[in-house]
Amino acid sequence: MAHDWVHRLQPVLEAALGQKMALPERKLNSIEAFLVRYPKVKRVMIDGTERPIQRPKNPEKQKLNYSLKKKRHNRKHLAAVDEKKRVLVLTQAREGKIHDKRAHDEDDIARSIPEEIPIEVDSGFLGLQKQDDNIHLPHRKPKGGELDETQKEENRLLSSSRVVGENAFAGVKRYDAVSQIYRNRILDFDDRLMLTAAGLWNWYLMAA
């Protein structure tokens, strides 16, 4: 009965958040589309976020959704967050095993962001800086060497700046429907729940 209630409410809530322009975009196909939707954004953080799921019965799905990093079965989204903790873009839910960089290569969030807007990412997106000039990555320790003090300080500043994205994910996951283990078997309903939770978080920021 509880699941039936959630299934009925979610589409209504998603539609209402869409009317309030609180839902994040699923994909932006051009810089022009980004500027129309988000004309005042000054900084963007791109990162992956995962939500635990019940262990699939199908062995192949078990492999695809098992995250070695988290040591559990997950589904994953990539998200772009601005300096105000607003979720701008939320990609479709993917298998938990997929690497952040590979997921980004397929969804290509960065390409729709103007080059004058810095994009901050972690080392999981290594290689992205070769595709776009506005990518800010932490310095990697050279093999057999150490970072110098300037590089260490730049890494600290970047890490401090990227906390905004982590705070946004924490805000989205205040909603139990996207933080607890997902056990529902309705196809892609977990994706709709995450979209709605991100919209609720954005609406909260808009009202604050």
N, C-alpha and C. Protein backbone atom coordinates (compact mmCIF):
# COMPACT_ATOMS: atom_id res chain seq x y z
N MET A 1 0.83 -1.20 0.00
CA MET A 1 0.00 0.00 0.00
C MET A 1 0.86 1.26 0.00
N ALA A 2 1.96 1.23 0.77
CA ALA A 2 2.84 2.40 0.82
C ALA A 2 3.44 2.67 -0.54
N HIS A 3 3.84 1.58 -1.25
CA HIS A 3 4.41 1.75 -2.58
C HIS A 3 3.38 2.33 -3.54
N ASP A 4 2.11 1.88 -3.44
CA ASP A 4 1.06 2.42 -4.31
C ASP A 4 0.90 3.92 -4.10
N TRP A 5 1.01 4.36 -2.85
CA TRP A 5 0.89 5.79 -2.54
C TRP A 5 2.02 6.58 -3.18
N VAL A 6 3.23 6.04 -3.09
CA VAL A 6 4.39 6.71 -3.69
C VAL A 6 4.24 6.78 -5.20
N HIS A 7 3.81 5.69 -5.81
CA HIS A 7 3.65 5.65 -7.27
C HIS A 7 2.64 6.68 -7.75
N ARG A 8 1.58 6.87 -6.98
CA ARG A 8 0.56 7.84 -7.38
C ARG A 8 1.03 9.27 -7.18
N LEU A 9 1.75 9.51 -6.10
CA LEU A 9 2.16 10.87 -5.77
C LEU A 9 3.30 11.38 -6.64
N GLN A 10 4.25 10.50 -6.97
CA GLN A 10 5.47 10.95 -7.65
C GLN A 10 5.18 11.69 -8.96
N PRO A 11 4.35 11.18 -9.87
CA PRO A 11 4.10 11.93 -11.12
C PRO A 11 3.46 13.30 -10.88
N VAL A 12 2.60 13.39 -9.89
CA VAL A 12 1.94 14.66 -9.58
C VAL A 12 2.97 15.66 -9.06
N LEU A 13 3.83 15.20 -8.17
CA LEU A 13 4.86 16.06 -7.60
C LEU A 13 5.86 16.48 -8.67
N GLU A 14 6.25 15.55 -9.52
CA GLU A 14 7.19 15.89 -10.59
C GLU A 14 6.61 16.95 -11.52
N ALA A 15 5.33 16.81 -11.86
CA ALA A 15 4.67 17.79 -12.73
C ALA A 15 4.62 19.17 -12.08
N ALA A 16 4.32 19.20 -10.79
CA ALA A 16 4.25 20.48 -10.07
C ALA A 16 5.62 21.14 -10.02
N LEU A 17 6.66 20.37 -9.77
CA LEU A 17 8.02 20.92 -9.72
C LEU A 17 8.46 21.40 -11.10
N GLY A 18 8.01 20.70 -12.13
CA GLY A 18 8.31 21.15 -13.49
C GLY A 18 7.70 22.50 -13.78
N GLN A 19 6.48 22.72 -13.33
CA GLN A 19 5.83 24.02 -13.52
C GLN A 19 6.55 25.12 -12.77
N LYS A 20 7.16 24.78 -11.64
CA LYS A 20 7.91 25.76 -10.84
C LYS A 20 9.33 25.97 -11.37
N MET A 21 9.69 25.26 -12.45
CA MET A 21 11.05 25.31 -13.02
C MET A 21 12.09 24.88 -12.00
N ALA A 22 11.70 23.94 -11.13
CA ALA A 22 12.61 23.46 -10.10
C ALA A 22 13.33 22.18 -10.51
N LEU A 23 12.78 21.44 -11.46
CA LEU A 23 13.42 20.19 -11.87
C LEU A 23 14.72 20.47 -12.62
N PRO A 24 15.76 19.69 -12.37
CA PRO A 24 16.97 19.84 -13.18
C PRO A 24 16.72 19.35 -14.60
N GLU A 25 17.52 19.82 -15.53
CA GLU A 25 17.47 19.30 -16.89
C GLU A 25 18.05 17.89 -16.91
N ARG A 26 17.59 17.08 -17.85
CA ARG A 26 18.18 15.75 -18.02
C ARG A 26 19.37 15.81 -18.98
N LYS A 27 19.31 16.72 -19.92
CA LYS A 27 20.41 16.91 -20.87
C LYS A 27 20.24 18.27 -21.53
N LEU A 28 21.34 18.99 -21.71
CA LEU A 28 21.34 20.25 -22.46
C LEU A 28 22.20 20.04 -23.70
N ASN A 29 21.63 20.33 -24.85
CA ASN A 29 22.28 19.97 -26.11
C ASN A 29 23.18 21.06 -26.69
N SER A 30 23.22 22.23 -26.06
CA SER A 30 24.04 23.31 -26.61
C SER A 30 24.36 24.34 -25.53
N ILE A 31 25.37 25.15 -25.79
CA ILE A 31 25.70 26.25 -24.89
C ILE A 31 24.55 27.25 -24.84
N GLU A 32 23.93 27.46 -25.98
CA GLU A 32 22.80 28.40 -26.03
C GLU A 32 21.67 27.94 -25.10
N ALA A 33 21.40 26.63 -25.10
CA ALA A 33 20.34 26.09 -24.25
C ALA A 33 20.70 26.28 -22.77
N PHE A 34 21.98 26.10 -22.45
CA PHE A 34 22.42 26.31 -21.07
C PHE A 34 22.20 27.76 -20.65
N LEU A 35 22.59 28.70 -21.49
CA LEU A 35 22.48 30.12 -21.15
C LEU A 35 21.03 30.57 -21.03
N VAL A 36 20.16 29.99 -21.82
CA VAL A 36 18.74 30.33 -21.71
C VAL A 36 18.18 29.82 -20.39
N ARG A 37 18.55 28.62 -20.03
CA ARG A 37 18.02 27.99 -18.81
C ARG A 37 18.70 28.53 -17.56
N TYR A 38 20.02 28.78 -17.64
CA TYR A 38 20.79 29.17 -16.45
C TYR A 38 21.69 30.36 -16.76
N PRO A 39 21.12 31.54 -16.99
CA PRO A 39 21.92 32.70 -17.43
C PRO A 39 22.86 33.28 -16.37
N LYS A 40 22.64 32.98 -15.09
CA LYS A 40 23.42 33.64 -14.03
C LYS A 40 24.44 32.72 -13.35
N VAL A 41 24.59 31.53 -13.83
CA VAL A 41 25.51 30.58 -13.20
C VAL A 41 26.96 31.04 -13.39
N LYS A 42 27.75 30.95 -12.32
CA LYS A 42 29.14 31.40 -12.36
C LYS A 42 30.15 30.26 -12.26
N ARG A 43 29.71 29.13 -11.72
CA ARG A 43 30.63 28.02 -11.48
C ARG A 43 29.84 26.73 -11.46
N VAL A 44 30.43 25.65 -11.97
CA VAL A 44 29.73 24.36 -12.05
C VAL A 44 30.63 23.26 -11.49
N MET A 45 30.05 22.37 -10.70
CA MET A 45 30.72 21.16 -10.24
C MET A 45 30.01 19.97 -10.87
N ILE A 46 30.76 19.07 -11.46
CA ILE A 46 30.20 17.84 -12.02
C ILE A 46 30.73 16.66 -11.20
N ASP A 47 29.83 15.79 -10.80
CA ASP A 47 30.24 14.62 -10.02
C ASP A 47 29.17 13.54 -10.15
N GLY A 48 29.54 12.34 -9.73
CA GLY A 48 28.60 11.24 -9.71
C GLY A 48 28.01 11.06 -8.33
N THR A 49 26.79 10.58 -8.28
CA THR A 49 26.16 10.25 -7.01
C THR A 49 25.47 8.90 -7.17
N GLU A 50 25.53 8.09 -6.13
CA GLU A 50 24.99 6.74 -6.20
C GLU A 50 23.91 6.54 -5.14
N ARG A 51 23.00 5.62 -5.44
CA ARG A 51 22.02 5.24 -4.44
C ARG A 51 21.96 3.71 -4.40
N PRO A 52 21.94 3.12 -3.18
CA PRO A 52 21.97 1.66 -3.06
C PRO A 52 20.69 1.01 -3.54
N ILE A 53 20.82 -0.16 -4.14
CA ILE A 53 19.67 -0.92 -4.59
C ILE A 53 19.76 -2.34 -4.02
N GLN A 54 18.62 -3.00 -4.01
CA GLN A 54 18.61 -4.39 -3.59
C GLN A 54 19.43 -5.23 -4.57
N ARG A 55 20.11 -6.22 -4.08
CA ARG A 55 20.94 -7.09 -4.93
C ARG A 55 20.07 -7.75 -5.98
N PRO A 56 20.35 -7.48 -7.28
CA PRO A 56 19.53 -8.09 -8.34
C PRO A 56 19.65 -9.61 -8.34
N LYS A 57 18.59 -10.28 -8.76
CA LYS A 57 18.63 -11.74 -8.85
C LYS A 57 19.38 -12.20 -10.10
N ASN A 58 19.32 -11.40 -11.15
CA ASN A 58 20.00 -11.73 -12.39
C ASN A 58 21.50 -11.56 -12.23
N PRO A 59 22.32 -12.60 -12.49
CA PRO A 59 23.78 -12.50 -12.30
C PRO A 59 24.43 -11.39 -13.12
N GLU A 60 23.95 -11.19 -14.34
CA GLU A 60 24.53 -10.14 -15.18
C GLU A 60 24.24 -8.76 -14.61
N LYS A 61 23.02 -8.56 -14.12
CA LYS A 61 22.68 -7.28 -13.50
C LYS A 61 23.45 -7.07 -12.20
N GLN A 62 23.76 -8.17 -11.51
CA GLN A 62 24.58 -8.06 -10.31
C GLN A 62 25.94 -7.46 -10.65
N LYS A 63 26.55 -7.95 -11.73
CA LYS A 63 27.87 -7.47 -12.15
C LYS A 63 27.81 -6.01 -12.57
N LEU A 64 26.79 -5.65 -13.34
CA LEU A 64 26.69 -4.30 -13.89
C LEU A 64 26.43 -3.26 -12.80
N ASN A 65 25.75 -3.66 -11.75
CA ASN A 65 25.36 -2.68 -10.74
C ASN A 65 26.21 -2.73 -9.47
N TYR A 66 27.23 -3.58 -9.46
CA TYR A 66 28.08 -3.66 -8.27
C TYR A 66 29.22 -2.66 -8.37
N SER A 67 29.31 -1.79 -7.39
CA SER A 67 30.36 -0.77 -7.34
C SER A 67 31.49 -1.27 -6.46
N LEU A 68 32.67 -1.44 -7.06
CA LEU A 68 33.83 -1.85 -6.28
C LEU A 68 34.21 -0.79 -5.26
N LYS A 69 33.99 0.47 -5.63
CA LYS A 69 34.33 1.58 -4.73
C LYS A 69 33.46 1.56 -3.48
N LYS A 70 32.16 1.34 -3.66
CA LYS A 70 31.22 1.37 -2.53
C LYS A 70 31.00 0.00 -1.90
N LYS A 71 31.44 -1.07 -2.61
CA LYS A 71 31.27 -2.44 -2.12
C LYS A 71 29.80 -2.79 -1.91
N ARG A 72 28.96 -2.38 -2.87
CA ARG A 72 27.54 -2.68 -2.79
C ARG A 72 26.92 -2.49 -4.18
N HIS A 73 25.68 -2.90 -4.33
CA HIS A 73 24.97 -2.72 -5.59
C HIS A 73 24.32 -1.34 -5.59
N ASN A 74 24.55 -0.60 -6.69
CA ASN A 74 24.11 0.79 -6.79
C ASN A 74 23.54 1.10 -8.16
N ARG A 75 22.88 2.21 -8.22
CA ARG A 75 22.59 2.89 -9.49
C ARG A 75 23.24 4.26 -9.39
N LYS A 76 23.67 4.79 -10.51
CA LYS A 76 24.46 6.03 -10.51
C LYS A 76 23.86 7.09 -11.43
N HIS A 77 24.00 8.34 -10.98
CA HIS A 77 23.70 9.52 -11.80
C HIS A 77 24.93 10.40 -11.85
N LEU A 78 25.08 11.16 -12.93
CA LEU A 78 25.98 12.30 -12.93
C LEU A 78 25.13 13.54 -12.75
N ALA A 79 25.68 14.52 -12.06
CA ALA A 79 24.94 15.77 -11.84
C ALA A 79 25.87 16.96 -11.99
N ALA A 80 25.32 18.04 -12.50
CA ALA A 80 26.01 19.33 -12.53
C ALA A 80 25.34 20.23 -11.52
N VAL A 81 26.14 20.82 -10.63
CA VAL A 81 25.65 21.65 -9.53
C VAL A 81 26.30 23.02 -9.64
N ASP A 82 25.56 24.08 -9.35
CA ASP A 82 26.15 25.41 -9.42
C ASP A 82 26.63 25.88 -8.05
N GLU A 83 27.15 27.10 -8.01
CA GLU A 83 27.75 27.62 -6.77
C GLU A 83 26.73 27.84 -5.67
N LYS A 84 25.44 27.81 -6.00
CA LYS A 84 24.39 27.97 -5.00
C LYS A 84 23.79 26.64 -4.55
N LYS A 85 24.44 25.54 -4.92
CA LYS A 85 24.04 24.17 -4.56
C LYS A 85 22.84 23.68 -5.35
N ARG A 86 22.49 24.39 -6.39
CA ARG A 86 21.34 23.98 -7.21
C ARG A 86 21.76 22.89 -8.19
N VAL A 87 20.95 21.85 -8.31
CA VAL A 87 21.21 20.78 -9.28
C VAL A 87 20.70 21.24 -10.65
N LEU A 88 21.63 21.49 -11.56
CA LEU A 88 21.29 22.02 -12.87
C LEU A 88 20.93 20.91 -13.85
N VAL A 89 21.72 19.84 -13.83
CA VAL A 89 21.53 18.72 -14.75
C VAL A 89 21.63 17.43 -13.94
N LEU A 90 20.73 16.51 -14.20
CA LEU A 90 20.78 15.18 -13.59
C LEU A 90 20.59 14.16 -14.70
N THR A 91 21.61 13.35 -14.94
CA THR A 91 21.52 12.37 -16.02
C THR A 91 20.63 11.20 -15.63
N GLN A 92 20.25 10.43 -16.63
CA GLN A 92 19.47 9.22 -16.38
C GLN A 92 20.27 8.26 -15.51
N ALA A 93 19.58 7.48 -14.67
CA ALA A 93 20.24 6.50 -13.81
C ALA A 93 20.96 5.46 -14.67
N ARG A 94 22.17 5.13 -14.23
CA ARG A 94 22.99 4.14 -14.93
C ARG A 94 23.42 3.03 -13.98
N GLU A 95 24.03 1.99 -14.56
CA GLU A 95 24.54 0.89 -13.75
C GLU A 95 25.62 1.40 -12.80
N GLY A 96 25.64 0.88 -11.58
CA GLY A 96 26.57 1.35 -10.56
C GLY A 96 28.03 1.10 -10.88
N LYS A 97 28.30 0.16 -11.78
CA LYS A 97 29.68 -0.20 -12.10
C LYS A 97 30.37 0.83 -12.98
N ILE A 98 29.61 1.62 -13.73
CA ILE A 98 30.19 2.51 -14.73
C ILE A 98 31.04 3.60 -14.07
N HIS A 99 32.18 3.87 -14.67
CA HIS A 99 33.11 4.88 -14.16
C HIS A 99 32.59 6.27 -14.50
N ASP A 100 32.89 7.25 -13.63
CA ASP A 100 32.39 8.62 -13.83
C ASP A 100 32.81 9.18 -15.19
N LYS A 101 34.06 9.00 -15.56
CA LYS A 101 34.55 9.57 -16.82
C LYS A 101 33.84 8.94 -18.01
N ARG A 102 33.67 7.63 -17.97
CA ARG A 102 32.98 6.97 -19.07
C ARG A 102 31.53 7.42 -19.16
N ALA A 103 30.87 7.55 -18.01
CA ALA A 103 29.50 8.03 -18.00
C ALA A 103 29.42 9.43 -18.59
N HIS A 104 30.41 10.27 -18.24
CA HIS A 104 30.41 11.62 -18.79
C HIS A 104 30.66 11.62 -20.29
N ASP A 105 31.53 10.76 -20.78
CA ASP A 105 31.79 10.69 -22.21
C ASP A 105 30.51 10.40 -22.99
N GLU A 106 29.62 9.64 -22.38
CA GLU A 106 28.36 9.30 -23.05
C GLU A 106 27.32 10.41 -22.91
N ASP A 107 27.29 11.08 -21.76
CA ASP A 107 26.29 12.15 -21.53
C ASP A 107 26.81 13.54 -21.90
N ASP A 108 28.12 13.75 -21.76
CA ASP A 108 28.81 14.97 -22.20
C ASP A 108 28.17 16.25 -21.67
N ILE A 109 28.10 16.35 -20.35
CA ILE A 109 27.52 17.54 -19.73
C ILE A 109 28.37 18.78 -20.01
N ALA A 110 29.70 18.63 -19.94
CA ALA A 110 30.59 19.78 -20.02
C ALA A 110 30.48 20.53 -21.35
N ARG A 111 30.17 19.83 -22.42
CA ARG A 111 30.15 20.48 -23.73
C ARG A 111 29.09 21.55 -23.84
N SER A 112 28.04 21.47 -23.03
CA SER A 112 26.97 22.47 -23.11
C SER A 112 27.20 23.66 -22.18
N ILE A 113 28.32 23.66 -21.46
CA ILE A 113 28.60 24.74 -20.51
C ILE A 113 29.58 25.73 -21.15
N PRO A 114 29.27 27.02 -21.14
CA PRO A 114 30.16 28.01 -21.76
C PRO A 114 31.58 27.95 -21.22
N GLU A 115 32.56 28.21 -22.08
CA GLU A 115 33.95 28.05 -21.68
C GLU A 115 34.40 29.06 -20.63
N GLU A 116 33.67 30.15 -20.46
CA GLU A 116 34.04 31.13 -19.42
C GLU A 116 33.58 30.70 -18.03
N ILE A 117 32.79 29.64 -17.94
CA ILE A 117 32.33 29.13 -16.65
C ILE A 117 33.24 27.97 -16.23
N PRO A 118 33.97 28.09 -15.12
CA PRO A 118 34.84 27.00 -14.69
C PRO A 118 34.03 25.78 -14.27
N ILE A 119 34.55 24.60 -14.64
CA ILE A 119 33.92 23.33 -14.28
C ILE A 119 34.88 22.58 -13.37
N GLU A 120 34.45 22.29 -12.15
CA GLU A 120 35.30 21.63 -11.18
C GLU A 120 34.91 20.16 -11.06
N VAL A 121 35.91 19.28 -11.16
CA VAL A 121 35.68 17.84 -11.08
C VAL A 121 36.77 17.21 -10.21
N ASP A 122 36.56 15.95 -9.84
CA ASP A 122 37.59 15.24 -9.10
C ASP A 122 38.41 14.36 -10.03
N SER A 123 39.33 13.60 -9.46
CA SER A 123 40.26 12.81 -10.28
C SER A 123 39.58 11.68 -11.04
N GLY A 124 38.33 11.36 -10.68
CA GLY A 124 37.58 10.36 -11.43
C GLY A 124 37.26 10.78 -12.85
N PHE A 125 37.46 12.06 -13.15
CA PHE A 125 37.19 12.59 -14.49
C PHE A 125 38.49 12.88 -15.24
N LEU A 126 39.58 12.27 -14.81
CA LEU A 126 40.87 12.50 -15.46
C LEU A 126 40.78 12.22 -16.95
N GLY A 127 41.28 13.14 -17.74
CA GLY A 127 41.20 13.05 -19.19
C GLY A 127 40.21 14.05 -19.76
N LEU A 128 39.26 14.49 -18.93
CA LEU A 128 38.25 15.45 -19.39
C LEU A 128 38.89 16.78 -19.74
N GLN A 129 40.01 17.11 -19.07
CA GLN A 129 40.68 18.39 -19.33
C GLN A 129 41.25 18.45 -20.75
N LYS A 130 41.40 17.31 -21.40
CA LYS A 130 41.89 17.27 -22.78
C LYS A 130 40.79 17.62 -23.78
N GLN A 131 39.55 17.58 -23.32
CA GLN A 131 38.41 17.84 -24.19
C GLN A 131 37.88 19.26 -24.04
N ASP A 132 38.02 19.83 -22.84
CA ASP A 132 37.47 21.17 -22.58
C ASP A 132 38.48 21.98 -21.77
N ASP A 133 38.68 23.24 -22.15
CA ASP A 133 39.70 24.08 -21.52
C ASP A 133 39.29 24.60 -20.14
N ASN A 134 38.00 24.58 -19.83
CA ASN A 134 37.54 25.15 -18.56
C ASN A 134 37.41 24.12 -17.45
N ILE A 135 38.03 22.95 -17.62
CA ILE A 135 37.98 21.90 -16.61
C ILE A 135 39.06 22.12 -15.56
N HIS A 136 38.68 22.05 -14.29
CA HIS A 136 39.62 22.19 -13.18
C HIS A 136 39.69 20.86 -12.43
N LEU A 137 40.85 20.23 -12.52
CA LEU A 137 41.10 18.93 -11.89
C LEU A 137 42.16 19.08 -10.81
N PRO A 138 42.14 18.24 -9.79
CA PRO A 138 43.24 18.28 -8.81
C PRO A 138 44.55 17.79 -9.44
N HIS A 139 45.65 18.33 -8.97
CA HIS A 139 46.95 17.85 -9.43
C HIS A 139 47.17 16.42 -8.93
N ARG A 140 47.77 15.60 -9.77
CA ARG A 140 48.12 14.24 -9.36
C ARG A 140 49.59 14.17 -8.96
N LYS A 141 49.84 13.39 -7.94
CA LYS A 141 51.22 13.22 -7.50
C LYS A 141 52.01 12.49 -8.60
N PRO A 142 53.13 13.06 -9.03
CA PRO A 142 53.92 12.39 -10.08
C PRO A 142 54.51 11.08 -9.56
N LYS A 143 54.68 10.13 -10.47
CA LYS A 143 55.22 8.83 -10.09
C LYS A 143 56.62 9.01 -9.50
N GLY A 144 56.77 8.55 -8.27
CA GLY A 144 58.07 8.65 -7.61
C GLY A 144 58.39 10.03 -7.09
N GLY A 145 57.43 10.95 -7.13
CA GLY A 145 57.69 12.32 -6.69
C GLY A 145 56.60 12.83 -5.77
N GLU A 146 56.64 14.12 -5.53
CA GLU A 146 55.67 14.77 -4.64
C GLU A 146 55.15 16.04 -5.30
N LEU A 147 53.98 16.46 -4.90
CA LEU A 147 53.47 17.75 -5.35
C LEU A 147 54.23 18.86 -4.65
N ASP A 148 54.39 19.99 -5.34
CA ASP A 148 55.01 21.12 -4.67
C ASP A 148 53.96 21.85 -3.84
N GLU A 149 54.39 22.83 -3.06
CA GLU A 149 53.48 23.51 -2.14
C GLU A 149 52.37 24.26 -2.87
N THR A 150 52.70 24.83 -4.01
CA THR A 150 51.68 25.54 -4.80
C THR A 150 50.60 24.57 -5.27
N GLN A 151 51.01 23.41 -5.77
CA GLN A 151 50.04 22.41 -6.23
C GLN A 151 49.19 21.89 -5.08
N LYS A 152 49.81 21.68 -3.92
CA LYS A 152 49.05 21.23 -2.76
C LYS A 152 48.00 22.25 -2.34
N GLU A 153 48.38 23.52 -2.36
CA GLU A 153 47.44 24.57 -1.99
C GLU A 153 46.30 24.67 -3.01
N GLU A 154 46.63 24.55 -4.30
CA GLU A 154 45.59 24.56 -5.32
C GLU A 154 44.63 23.39 -5.15
N ASN A 155 45.14 22.23 -4.78
CA ASN A 155 44.28 21.08 -4.52
C ASN A 155 43.37 21.32 -3.33
N ARG A 156 43.91 21.95 -2.29
CA ARG A 156 43.09 22.25 -1.11
C ARG A 156 41.97 23.22 -1.46
N LEU A 157 42.30 24.23 -2.24
CA LEU A 157 41.29 25.21 -2.63
C LEU A 157 40.20 24.58 -3.50
N LEU A 158 40.63 23.71 -4.42
CA LEU A 158 39.65 23.05 -5.28
C LEU A 158 38.74 22.13 -4.47
N SER A 159 39.33 21.39 -3.54
CA SER A 159 38.54 20.49 -2.70
C SER A 159 37.54 21.28 -1.87
N SER A 160 37.98 22.42 -1.34
CA SER A 160 37.09 23.27 -0.54
C SER A 160 35.95 23.81 -1.39
N SER A 161 36.26 24.18 -2.63
CA SER A 161 35.25 24.73 -3.53
C SER A 161 34.23 23.67 -3.92
N ARG A 162 34.70 22.45 -4.12
CA ARG A 162 33.83 21.37 -4.58
C ARG A 162 32.90 20.83 -3.49
N VAL A 163 33.13 21.25 -2.26
CA VAL A 163 32.24 20.83 -1.17
C VAL A 163 30.79 21.24 -1.46
N VAL A 164 30.62 22.31 -2.21
CA VAL A 164 29.28 22.76 -2.58
C VAL A 164 28.49 21.64 -3.26
N GLY A 165 29.16 20.93 -4.15
CA GLY A 165 28.49 19.82 -4.83
C GLY A 165 28.11 18.71 -3.87
N GLU A 166 29.01 18.38 -2.96
CA GLU A 166 28.72 17.35 -1.97
C GLU A 166 27.56 17.76 -1.08
N ASN A 167 27.51 19.03 -0.74
CA ASN A 167 26.39 19.53 0.08
C ASN A 167 25.06 19.43 -0.68
N ALA A 168 25.11 19.66 -1.98
CA ALA A 168 23.90 19.55 -2.79
C ALA A 168 23.39 18.11 -2.80
N PHE A 169 24.30 17.15 -2.97
CA PHE A 169 23.89 15.74 -2.96
C PHE A 169 23.31 15.36 -1.60
N ALA A 170 23.93 15.86 -0.54
CA ALA A 170 23.42 15.59 0.80
C ALA A 170 22.01 16.16 0.96
N GLY A 171 21.78 17.34 0.38
CA GLY A 171 20.45 17.94 0.44
C GLY A 171 19.41 17.11 -0.30
N VAL A 172 19.77 16.64 -1.48
CA VAL A 172 18.86 15.79 -2.26
C VAL A 172 18.52 14.52 -1.49
N LYS A 173 19.52 13.95 -0.83
CA LYS A 173 19.33 12.67 -0.16
C LYS A 173 18.75 12.79 1.24
N ARG A 174 18.29 13.99 1.59
CA ARG A 174 17.52 14.12 2.82
C ARG A 174 16.21 13.36 2.70
N TYR A 175 15.79 13.10 1.47
CA TYR A 175 14.54 12.41 1.23
C TYR A 175 14.78 10.91 1.23
N ASP A 176 14.10 10.21 2.13
CA ASP A 176 14.34 8.78 2.34
C ASP A 176 14.19 7.96 1.07
N ALA A 177 13.33 8.38 0.19
CA ALA A 177 13.07 7.60 -1.03
C ALA A 177 14.31 7.42 -1.89
N VAL A 178 15.31 8.32 -1.74
CA VAL A 178 16.51 8.20 -2.56
C VAL A 178 17.77 7.93 -1.74
N SER A 179 17.61 7.73 -0.44
CA SER A 179 18.78 7.45 0.40
C SER A 179 18.77 6.02 0.93
N GLN A 180 17.58 5.45 1.08
CA GLN A 180 17.48 4.08 1.55
C GLN A 180 17.66 3.09 0.39
N ILE A 181 17.88 1.82 0.72
CA ILE A 181 18.04 0.80 -0.32
C ILE A 181 16.77 0.71 -1.15
N TYR A 182 16.92 0.83 -2.47
CA TYR A 182 15.78 0.80 -3.37
C TYR A 182 15.40 -0.66 -3.64
N ARG A 183 14.15 -1.03 -3.37
CA ARG A 183 13.70 -2.41 -3.51
C ARG A 183 12.59 -2.57 -4.54
N ASN A 184 12.12 -1.47 -5.07
CA ASN A 184 11.02 -1.51 -6.03
C ASN A 184 11.51 -2.07 -7.37
N ARG A 185 10.67 -2.84 -8.04
CA ARG A 185 11.08 -3.47 -9.31
C ARG A 185 10.47 -2.78 -10.53
N ILE A 186 9.78 -1.68 -10.33
CA ILE A 186 9.22 -0.96 -11.48
C ILE A 186 10.36 -0.33 -12.27
N LEU A 187 10.39 -0.56 -13.56
CA LEU A 187 11.49 -0.13 -14.42
C LEU A 187 11.70 1.38 -14.35
N ASP A 188 12.91 1.79 -13.98
CA ASP A 188 13.35 3.18 -13.97
C ASP A 188 12.59 4.08 -13.00
N PHE A 189 11.80 3.50 -12.10
CA PHE A 189 11.11 4.35 -11.14
C PHE A 189 12.11 5.01 -10.18
N ASP A 190 13.24 4.33 -9.93
CA ASP A 190 14.28 4.93 -9.09
C ASP A 190 14.82 6.20 -9.72
N ASP A 191 14.89 6.23 -11.05
CA ASP A 191 15.35 7.42 -11.76
C ASP A 191 14.38 8.58 -11.56
N ARG A 192 13.09 8.30 -11.64
CA ARG A 192 12.09 9.36 -11.46
C ARG A 192 12.11 9.87 -10.02
N LEU A 193 12.35 8.98 -9.06
CA LEU A 193 12.41 9.42 -7.66
C LEU A 193 13.59 10.36 -7.44
N MET A 194 14.74 10.04 -8.03
CA MET A 194 15.92 10.91 -7.87
C MET A 194 15.68 12.26 -8.52
N LEU A 195 15.05 12.27 -9.69
CA LEU A 195 14.73 13.53 -10.35
C LEU A 195 13.81 14.38 -9.47
N THR A 196 12.79 13.75 -8.90
CA THR A 196 11.85 14.47 -8.05
C THR A 196 12.54 15.00 -6.79
N ALA A 197 13.41 14.17 -6.18
CA ALA A 197 14.14 14.61 -4.98
C ALA A 197 15.04 15.80 -5.30
N ALA A 198 15.70 15.78 -6.46
CA ALA A 198 16.53 16.92 -6.86
C ALA A 198 15.67 18.16 -7.08
N GLY A 199 14.49 17.97 -7.65
CA GLY A 199 13.58 19.09 -7.83
C GLY A 199 13.10 19.67 -6.51
N LEU A 200 12.82 18.80 -5.54
CA LEU A 200 12.42 19.27 -4.21
C LEU A 200 13.54 20.08 -3.56
N TRP A 201 14.77 19.60 -3.70
CA TRP A 201 15.92 20.32 -3.15
C TRP A 201 16.06 21.69 -3.81
N ASN A 202 15.93 21.75 -5.14
CA ASN A 202 16.01 23.03 -5.84
C ASN A 202 14.90 23.98 -5.42
N TRP A 203 13.71 23.42 -5.25
CA TRP A 203 12.58 24.25 -4.83
C TRP A 203 12.81 24.80 -3.42
N TYR A 204 13.39 23.98 -2.55
CA TYR A 204 13.74 24.44 -1.21
C TYR A 204 14.71 25.62 -1.27
N LEU A 205 15.72 25.51 -2.15
CA LEU A 205 16.68 26.61 -2.31
C LEU A 205 16.02 27.86 -2.86
N MET A 206 15.11 27.67 -3.79
CA MET A 206 14.41 28.81 -4.38
C MET A 206 13.56 29.55 -3.34
N ALA A 207 13.01 28.78 -2.41
CA ALA A 207 12.12 29.37 -1.40
C ALA A 207 12.87 29.93 -0.21
N ALA A 208 14.14 29.56 -0.06
CA ALA A 208 14.91 29.98 1.12
C ALA A 208 15.21 31.48 1.08
